[in-house]
Amino acid sequence: SQNGETFKSLLIKPLYTLTVAHTFSRGDFKPQPSVDTALFAFDKRPTPLIASQHYAIYKDFLAFVSKDRVGEGAWKKLFSKTQLHRLEHLVMGRGLKSQTLEGILDAFDTFMRLNQDKINIIQGAMSRLRAEQRRRDMLNQSGGHRRPRKKR
């Protein structure tokens, strides 16, 4: 869906409101870009949507569930079937990009209220995700997964 969130927007929006400050015309640039360009304003929320002492856990929660569609894999490790069905703001069987900020915040709130005993499962998920991304970036920079040639 076009209006879904991205991983990065789900990290930013609990702390900041985002507004489009200016939309550029493609003709504003030489050569003209093949994408639309906009300038965003980030305003710190007077009251964050997630308490600052819970933000690190929220990042781990997001990183942990980001790999699986709602209701599958990682989600099943954190929530019971009944709990998942009660999260009515989430789109079952779809990934993060199909979810709303409200749905993800509701899921995190439910997790913090009912399943805090499972925090150890998600701890460190954000650092692991970042390390994985760094490895992927390094592979891409070095020419990918090619095997070194055998010397004859």
C-alpha atoms as a PDB file:
ATOM      1  CA  SER A   1       0.000   0.000   0.000  1.00  0.00           C
ATOM      2  CA  GLN A   2       1.180   3.500  -0.847  1.00  0.00           C
ATOM      3  CA  ASN A   3       0.326   5.096   2.496  1.00  0.00           C
ATOM      4  CA  GLY A   4       1.993   2.467   4.669  1.00  0.00           C
ATOM      5  CA  GLU A   5       5.021   3.182   6.812  1.00  0.00           C
ATOM      6  CA  THR A   6       8.660   2.333   6.253  1.00  0.00           C
ATOM      7  CA  PHE A   7      11.005   0.948   8.897  1.00  0.00           C
ATOM      8  CA  LYS A   8      12.670   4.384   9.156  1.00  0.00           C
ATOM      9  CA  SER A   9       9.394   6.297   9.402  1.00  0.00           C
ATOM     10  CA  LEU A  10       8.274   3.971  12.217  1.00  0.00           C
ATOM     11  CA  LEU A  11      11.519   4.832  14.032  1.00  0.00           C
ATOM     12  CA  ILE A  12      11.159   8.600  13.521  1.00  0.00           C
ATOM     13  CA  LYS A  13       7.431   9.327  13.865  1.00  0.00           C
ATOM     14  CA  PRO A  14       7.060   8.464  17.575  1.00  0.00           C
ATOM     15  CA  LEU A  15       9.548  11.296  18.305  1.00  0.00           C
ATOM     16  CA  TYR A  16       8.890  13.807  15.499  1.00  0.00           C
ATOM     17  CA  THR A  17       6.040  15.104  13.388  1.00  0.00           C
ATOM     18  CA  LEU A  18       6.890  15.243   9.694  1.00  0.00           C
ATOM     19  CA  THR A  19       5.472  17.763   7.276  1.00  0.00           C
ATOM     20  CA  VAL A  20       6.307  18.522   3.665  1.00  0.00           C
ATOM     21  CA  ALA A  21       7.894  21.989   3.793  1.00  0.00           C
ATOM     22  CA  HIS A  22       8.339  22.276   0.025  1.00  0.00           C
ATOM     23  CA  THR A  23       7.676  20.119  -3.027  1.00  0.00           C
ATOM     24  CA  PHE A  24      10.117  20.756  -5.850  1.00  0.00           C
ATOM     25  CA  SER A  25       9.251  20.591  -9.508  1.00  0.00           C
ATOM     26  CA  ARG A  26      11.437  18.244 -11.557  1.00  0.00           C
ATOM     27  CA  GLY A  27      12.219  21.278 -13.719  1.00  0.00           C
ATOM     28  CA  ASP A  28      13.941  22.910 -10.710  1.00  0.00           C
ATOM     29  CA  PHE A  29      16.935  20.647 -11.367  1.00  0.00           C
ATOM     30  CA  LYS A  30      19.335  20.237 -14.277  1.00  0.00           C
ATOM     31  CA  PRO A  31      19.446  17.450 -15.369  1.00  0.00           C
ATOM     32  CA  GLN A  32      15.868  16.682 -14.374  1.00  0.00           C
ATOM     33  CA  PRO A  33      15.629  13.840 -11.840  1.00  0.00           C
ATOM     34  CA  SER A  34      13.421  10.834 -12.559  1.00  0.00           C
ATOM     35  CA  VAL A  35      12.007  11.000  -9.019  1.00  0.00           C
ATOM     36  CA  ASP A  36       9.940  13.555  -7.120  1.00  0.00           C
ATOM     37  CA  THR A  37      11.849  15.677  -4.614  1.00  0.00           C
ATOM     38  CA  ALA A  38      10.538  17.266  -1.425  1.00  0.00           C
ATOM     39  CA  LEU A  39      11.920  19.031   1.623  1.00  0.00           C
ATOM     40  CA  PHE A  40      10.577  17.752   4.946  1.00  0.00           C
ATOM     41  CA  ALA A  41      10.346  19.535   8.282  1.00  0.00           C
ATOM     42  CA  PHE A  42      10.965  17.391  11.371  1.00  0.00           C
ATOM     43  CA  ASP A  43       9.451  18.870  14.530  1.00  0.00           C
ATOM     44  CA  LYS A  44      10.221  17.222  17.849  1.00  0.00           C
ATOM     45  CA  ARG A  45       6.977  16.171  19.537  1.00  0.00           C
ATOM     46  CA  PRO A  46       6.442  17.944  22.901  1.00  0.00           C
ATOM     47  CA  THR A  47       5.344  14.529  24.212  1.00  0.00           C
ATOM     48  CA  PRO A  48       6.827  11.566  22.328  1.00  0.00           C
ATOM     49  CA  LEU A  49       4.383   8.783  21.402  1.00  0.00           C
ATOM     50  CA  ILE A  50       6.751   6.354  23.140  1.00  0.00           C
ATOM     51  CA  ALA A  51       8.227   7.170  26.542  1.00  0.00           C
ATOM     52  CA  SER A  52      11.932   7.939  26.160  1.00  0.00           C
ATOM     53  CA  GLN A  53      12.871   5.179  28.626  1.00  0.00           C
ATOM     54  CA  HIS A  54      11.107   2.660  26.333  1.00  0.00           C
ATOM     55  CA  TYR A  55      12.493   3.903  23.017  1.00  0.00           C
ATOM     56  CA  ALA A  56      15.479   1.484  22.936  1.00  0.00           C
ATOM     57  CA  ILE A  57      13.101  -1.445  23.559  1.00  0.00           C
ATOM     58  CA  TYR A  58      10.787  -0.076  20.819  1.00  0.00           C
ATOM     59  CA  LYS A  59      13.707  -0.074  18.342  1.00  0.00           C
ATOM     60  CA  ASP A  60      14.484  -3.706  19.247  1.00  0.00           C
ATOM     61  CA  PHE A  61      10.774  -4.585  18.944  1.00  0.00           C
ATOM     62  CA  LEU A  62      10.588  -2.998  15.487  1.00  0.00           C
ATOM     63  CA  ALA A  63      13.800  -4.654  14.283  1.00  0.00           C
ATOM     64  CA  PHE A  64      12.608  -8.023  15.629  1.00  0.00           C
ATOM     65  CA  VAL A  65       9.182  -7.998  13.952  1.00  0.00           C
ATOM     66  CA  SER A  66      10.296  -6.261  10.733  1.00  0.00           C
ATOM     67  CA  LYS A  67      11.416  -9.474   9.019  1.00  0.00           C
ATOM     68  CA  ASP A  68       8.052 -11.225   9.219  1.00  0.00           C
ATOM     69  CA  ARG A  69       4.500 -10.543   8.149  1.00  0.00           C
ATOM     70  CA  VAL A  70       2.073  -9.769  10.962  1.00  0.00           C
ATOM     71  CA  GLY A  71       0.813 -12.968  12.556  1.00  0.00           C
ATOM     72  CA  GLU A  72       3.792 -15.030  11.379  1.00  0.00           C
ATOM     73  CA  GLY A  73       7.283 -15.922  12.632  1.00  0.00           C
ATOM     74  CA  ALA A  74       8.578 -13.250  14.999  1.00  0.00           C
ATOM     75  CA  TRP A  75       5.064 -12.064  15.850  1.00  0.00           C
ATOM     76  CA  LYS A  76       4.131 -15.559  17.098  1.00  0.00           C
ATOM     77  CA  LYS A  77       7.163 -15.529  19.399  1.00  0.00           C
ATOM     78  CA  LEU A  78       5.917 -12.346  21.093  1.00  0.00           C
ATOM     79  CA  PHE A  79       2.123 -12.631  21.056  1.00  0.00           C
ATOM     80  CA  SER A  80      -0.477 -15.348  21.605  1.00  0.00           C
ATOM     81  CA  LYS A  81      -3.037 -16.015  18.848  1.00  0.00           C
ATOM     82  CA  THR A  82      -5.703 -14.263  20.937  1.00  0.00           C
ATOM     83  CA  GLN A  83      -3.480 -11.214  21.459  1.00  0.00           C
ATOM     84  CA  LEU A  84      -2.721 -11.024  17.728  1.00  0.00           C
ATOM     85  CA  HIS A  85      -6.441 -11.106  16.874  1.00  0.00           C
ATOM     86  CA  ARG A  86      -7.093  -8.281  19.351  1.00  0.00           C
ATOM     87  CA  LEU A  87      -4.587  -6.026  17.578  1.00  0.00           C
ATOM     88  CA  GLU A  88      -7.255  -4.763  15.197  1.00  0.00           C
ATOM     89  CA  HIS A  89      -5.136  -1.889  13.836  1.00  0.00           C
ATOM     90  CA  LEU A  90      -2.699  -4.339  12.245  1.00  0.00           C
ATOM     91  CA  VAL A  91      -3.106  -5.849   8.781  1.00  0.00           C
ATOM     92  CA  MET A  92      -2.628  -9.609   9.236  1.00  0.00           C
ATOM     93  CA  GLY A  93      -0.384 -11.444   6.793  1.00  0.00           C
ATOM     94  CA  ARG A  94       1.258  -8.221   5.604  1.00  0.00           C
ATOM     95  CA  GLY A  95       4.652  -6.713   6.314  1.00  0.00           C
ATOM     96  CA  LEU A  96       5.594  -3.436   8.012  1.00  0.00           C
ATOM     97  CA  LYS A  97       5.002  -1.362   4.867  1.00  0.00           C
ATOM     98  CA  SER A  98       1.290  -2.239   5.038  1.00  0.00           C
ATOM     99  CA  GLN A  99       0.976  -1.216   8.685  1.00  0.00           C
ATOM    100  CA  THR A 100       0.058   2.149  10.162  1.00  0.00           C
ATOM    101  CA  LEU A 101       2.003   3.915  12.895  1.00  0.00           C
ATOM    102  CA  GLU A 102      -1.096   3.502  15.087  1.00  0.00           C
ATOM    103  CA  GLY A 103      -1.093  -0.275  14.531  1.00  0.00           C
ATOM    104  CA  ILE A 104       2.590  -0.692  15.366  1.00  0.00           C
ATOM    105  CA  LEU A 105       2.327   1.552  18.454  1.00  0.00           C
ATOM    106  CA  ASP A 106      -0.724  -0.432  19.590  1.00  0.00           C
ATOM    107  CA  ALA A 107       1.216  -3.699  19.167  1.00  0.00           C
ATOM    108  CA  PHE A 108       4.196  -2.290  21.097  1.00  0.00           C
ATOM    109  CA  ASP A 109       1.919  -0.989  23.864  1.00  0.00           C
ATOM    110  CA  THR A 110       0.258  -4.422  24.139  1.00  0.00           C
ATOM    111  CA  PHE A 111       3.683  -6.068  24.248  1.00  0.00           C
ATOM    112  CA  MET A 112       4.849  -3.736  27.043  1.00  0.00           C
ATOM    113  CA  ARG A 113       1.646  -4.195  29.064  1.00  0.00           C
ATOM    114  CA  LEU A 114       1.193  -7.949  28.721  1.00  0.00           C
ATOM    115  CA  ASN A 115       4.374  -9.627  27.520  1.00  0.00           C
ATOM    116  CA  GLN A 116       7.280  -7.811  29.179  1.00  0.00           C
ATOM    117  CA  ASP A 117       8.573 -11.217  30.252  1.00  0.00           C
ATOM    118  CA  LYS A 118       9.571 -11.700  26.588  1.00  0.00           C
ATOM    119  CA  ILE A 119      11.798  -8.599  26.390  1.00  0.00           C
ATOM    120  CA  ASN A 120      14.878 -10.848  26.458  1.00  0.00           C
ATOM    121  CA  ILE A 121      13.738 -12.334  23.110  1.00  0.00           C
ATOM    122  CA  ILE A 122      13.943  -8.965  21.339  1.00  0.00           C
ATOM    123  CA  GLN A 123      16.909  -7.419  23.171  1.00  0.00           C
ATOM    124  CA  GLY A 124      19.745  -6.575  20.800  1.00  0.00           C
ATOM    125  CA  ALA A 125      17.593  -7.044  17.659  1.00  0.00           C
ATOM    126  CA  MET A 126      18.382  -3.517  16.415  1.00  0.00           C
ATOM    127  CA  SER A 127      22.172  -3.968  16.759  1.00  0.00           C
ATOM    128  CA  ARG A 128      21.932  -7.346  15.012  1.00  0.00           C
ATOM    129  CA  LEU A 129      19.930  -5.785  12.169  1.00  0.00           C
ATOM    130  CA  ARG A 130      22.468  -2.938  11.798  1.00  0.00           C
ATOM    131  CA  ALA A 131      25.388  -5.419  11.797  1.00  0.00           C
ATOM    132  CA  GLU A 132      23.601  -7.482   9.135  1.00  0.00           C
ATOM    133  CA  GLN A 133      23.078  -4.344   7.008  1.00  0.00           C
ATOM    134  CA  ARG A 134      26.766  -3.378   7.378  1.00  0.00           C
ATOM    135  CA  ARG A 135      27.803  -6.882   6.238  1.00  0.00           C
ATOM    136  CA  ARG A 136      25.452  -6.614   3.253  1.00  0.00           C
ATOM    137  CA  ASP A 137      26.822  -3.164   2.355  1.00  0.00           C
ATOM    138  CA  MET A 138      30.395  -4.468   2.545  1.00  0.00           C
ATOM    139  CA  LEU A 139      29.525  -7.427   0.299  1.00  0.00           C
ATOM    140  CA  ASN A 140      27.886  -5.102  -2.208  1.00  0.00           C
ATOM    141  CA  GLN A 141      30.906  -2.767  -2.208  1.00  0.00           C
ATOM    142  CA  SER A 142      33.340  -5.639  -2.690  1.00  0.00           C
ATOM    143  CA  GLY A 143      31.404  -7.045  -5.645  1.00  0.00           C
ATOM    144  CA  GLY A 144      28.911  -9.262  -3.902  1.00  0.00           C
ATOM    145  CA  HIS A 145      28.978 -12.962  -3.205  1.00  0.00           C
ATOM    146  CA  ARG A 146      31.411 -13.978  -5.935  1.00  0.00           C
ATOM    147  CA  ARG A 147      33.798 -16.755  -5.019  1.00  0.00           C
ATOM    148  CA  PRO A 148      37.480 -15.928  -5.362  1.00  0.00           C
ATOM    149  CA  ARG A 149      39.052 -17.507  -8.442  1.00  0.00           C
ATOM    150  CA  LYS A 150      41.246 -20.526  -7.835  1.00  0.00           C
ATOM    151  CA  LYS A 151      44.861 -19.889  -8.725  1.00  0.00           C
ATOM    152  CA  ARG A 152      46.196 -22.362 -11.290  1.00  0.00           C
END
